[in-house]
Protein backbone atom coordinates (compact mmCIF):
# COMPACT_ATOMS: atom_id res chain seq x y z
CA UNK A 1 -5.25 -0.84 7.14
CA UNK A 2 -5.52 -3.85 4.88
CA UNK A 3 -3.84 -5.30 1.80
CA UNK A 4 -6.12 -3.22 -0.41
CA UNK A 5 -4.65 -0.03 1.04
CA UNK A 6 -1.14 -1.32 0.37
CA UNK A 7 -2.07 -2.10 -3.22
CA UNK A 8 -3.55 1.36 -3.66
CA UNK A 9 -0.38 3.10 -2.50
CA UNK A 10 1.86 0.91 -4.66
CA UNK A 11 -0.31 1.55 -7.75
CA UNK A 12 -0.45 5.32 -7.15
CA UNK A 13 3.34 5.39 -6.96
CA UNK A 14 3.69 3.23 -10.04
CA UNK A 15 1.40 5.53 -12.04
CA UNK A 16 2.49 8.83 -10.52
CA UNK A 17 -1.13 9.92 -10.48
CA UNK A 18 -4.19 9.14 -8.40
CA UNK A 19 -6.42 9.47 -11.46
CA UNK A 20 -4.39 6.97 -13.54
CA UNK A 21 -4.13 4.58 -10.60
CA UNK A 22 -7.91 4.73 -10.09
CA UNK A 23 -8.44 3.81 -13.74
CA UNK A 24 -6.05 0.85 -13.43
CA UNK A 25 -7.74 -0.29 -10.22
CA UNK A 26 -11.24 0.11 -11.74
CA UNK A 27 -12.43 2.42 -8.97
CA UNK A 28 -13.39 6.09 -8.95
CA UNK A 29 -10.78 8.74 -8.35
CA UNK A 30 -12.77 10.11 -5.41
CA UNK A 31 -12.97 6.65 -3.82
CA UNK A 32 -9.21 6.16 -4.16
CA UNK A 33 -8.49 9.64 -2.79
CA UNK A 34 -10.80 8.97 0.14
CA UNK A 35 -9.08 5.66 0.90
CA UNK A 36 -5.67 7.33 0.87
CA UNK A 37 -6.90 10.15 3.08
CA UNK A 38 -8.37 7.71 5.62
CA UNK A 39 -5.14 5.67 5.58
CA UNK A 40 -3.11 8.83 6.22
CA UNK A 41 -5.40 9.70 9.12
CA UNK A 42 -5.00 6.20 10.54
CA UNK A 43 -1.21 6.40 10.24
CA UNK A 44 -1.08 9.98 11.57
CA UNK A 45 1.21 11.12 8.78
CA UNK A 46 0.95 12.19 5.16
CA UNK A 47 2.05 9.72 2.49
CA UNK A 48 1.85 12.04 -0.53
CA UNK A 49 2.42 15.68 -1.36
CA UNK A 50 -0.23 16.74 -3.80
CA UNK A 51 0.93 19.06 -6.60
CA UNK A 52 -0.64 20.45 -9.76
CA UNK A 53 1.71 18.25 -11.78
CA UNK A 54 0.86 15.08 -9.84
CA UNK A 55 1.90 13.62 -6.53
CA UNK A 56 5.14 12.86 -4.78
CA UNK A 57 5.92 10.68 -1.80
CA UNK A 58 6.88 12.24 1.51
CA UNK A 59 9.82 10.73 3.41
CA UNK A 60 7.32 8.79 5.54
CA UNK A 61 5.57 7.72 2.34
CA UNK A 62 8.82 6.31 0.95
CA UNK A 63 9.29 4.16 4.05
CA UNK A 64 5.66 3.05 3.88
CA UNK A 65 6.01 2.14 0.18
CA UNK A 66 9.02 -0.10 0.83
CA UNK A 67 7.16 -1.82 3.65
CA UNK A 68 4.05 -2.21 1.47
CA UNK A 69 6.03 -3.79 -1.37
CA UNK A 70 7.61 -6.30 1.03
CA UNK A 71 4.26 -7.22 2.55
CA UNK A 72 2.69 -7.72 -0.88
CA UNK A 73 5.66 -9.88 -1.96
CA UNK A 74 5.44 -12.12 1.11
CA UNK A 75 1.70 -12.41 0.78
CA UNK A 76 2.08 -13.66 -2.83
CA UNK A 77 4.91 -15.96 -1.73
CA UNK A 78 2.83 -17.37 1.12
CA UNK A 79 -0.03 -18.09 -1.28
CA UNK A 80 2.22 -19.90 -3.75
CA UNK A 81 3.82 -21.99 -1.00
CA UNK A 82 0.38 -22.86 0.36
CA UNK A 83 -0.80 -23.94 -3.09
CA UNK A 84 2.24 -26.15 -3.65
CA UNK A 85 2.14 -27.96 -0.34
CA UNK A 86 -0.02 -30.99 0.31
CA UNK A 87 -0.82 -29.83 3.83
CA UNK A 88 -2.38 -26.59 5.06
CA UNK A 89 -0.05 -23.80 6.13
CA UNK A 90 -0.85 -22.44 9.57
CA UNK A 91 0.78 -20.48 12.32
CA UNK A 92 1.29 -16.98 13.54
CA UNK A 93 2.96 -14.36 11.39
CA UNK A 94 3.99 -11.07 12.95
CA UNK A 95 5.08 -8.12 10.81
CA UNK A 96 6.51 -4.79 11.87
CA UNK A 97 7.07 -1.58 9.96
CA UNK A 98 9.20 1.39 10.89
CA UNK A 99 7.20 4.38 12.12
CA UNK A 100 8.86 7.78 12.24
CA UNK A 101 9.00 9.19 15.75
CA UNK A 102 9.23 12.84 14.64
């Protein structure tokens, strides 16, 4: 999983559609669907329920979305702090996300 996957999930949720999200991300719908499927396989749970009328987040997907938004926020924040400082920012950053046990 990488920041691109997080961005994909956030955009799909924002748009409510994989097709619309793919257009906004300037990638093909099949590529975006494949990325989501591989992410779900890596996580061992489903993020979205696919319906004829669009998609909806599963309970696990809702938790993942909140975590993804926080990670994207802190990544932007870290970049802006790094740009403002006169010395390089370094160190170890550890992040954790809740994983359902059921």
